[in-house]
Amino acid sequence: PNNKIHILYHGTSNERLRSWLTDHEVIIHKHDPEWKDDIEIMRQNGAMESSHLFSHPGNYFGTWQRIDIVNEIDYEYCLLLDSDTIVTKPFTLNDFGLEITSGIAMSTEQKRDGKPANAG
């Protein structure tokens, strides 16, 4: 299938990564949201020990950044994948069955004790 990969990218410092993405036909959307400073305040006031994402502003920002992809594309459906997700074979909308939700669903990554680690 001809699934297109879109990425929201903030900044310009990693030209090597941007070139690799472009060479692999990833569509890059420049992303500089108005709410970025608010997210940094949330990170600084958060429970730093609860997730590795709090250790760096970029990591924490990235977890929120993905929700804006719907502002950049014009598709009926959008599948959000974490950056460490590996797709091993092509798939189509048919693979999800007939009753696809009209809303959004997210799951959390959990620690062994059952407590949420992040919005994985």
Foldseek 3Di string as FASTA:
>chain_A
DPDAAEDEDEDDDCVVVVVVCVVVRHHYDDDDDPCLVVQLVCLVPDDCVLEPQSVDSVSSSVVVRVVCVVVVDDDQDDDDDDPPDDDDDDDDPPVVPDDDDNDDDWDFDADPVGHGRGRD
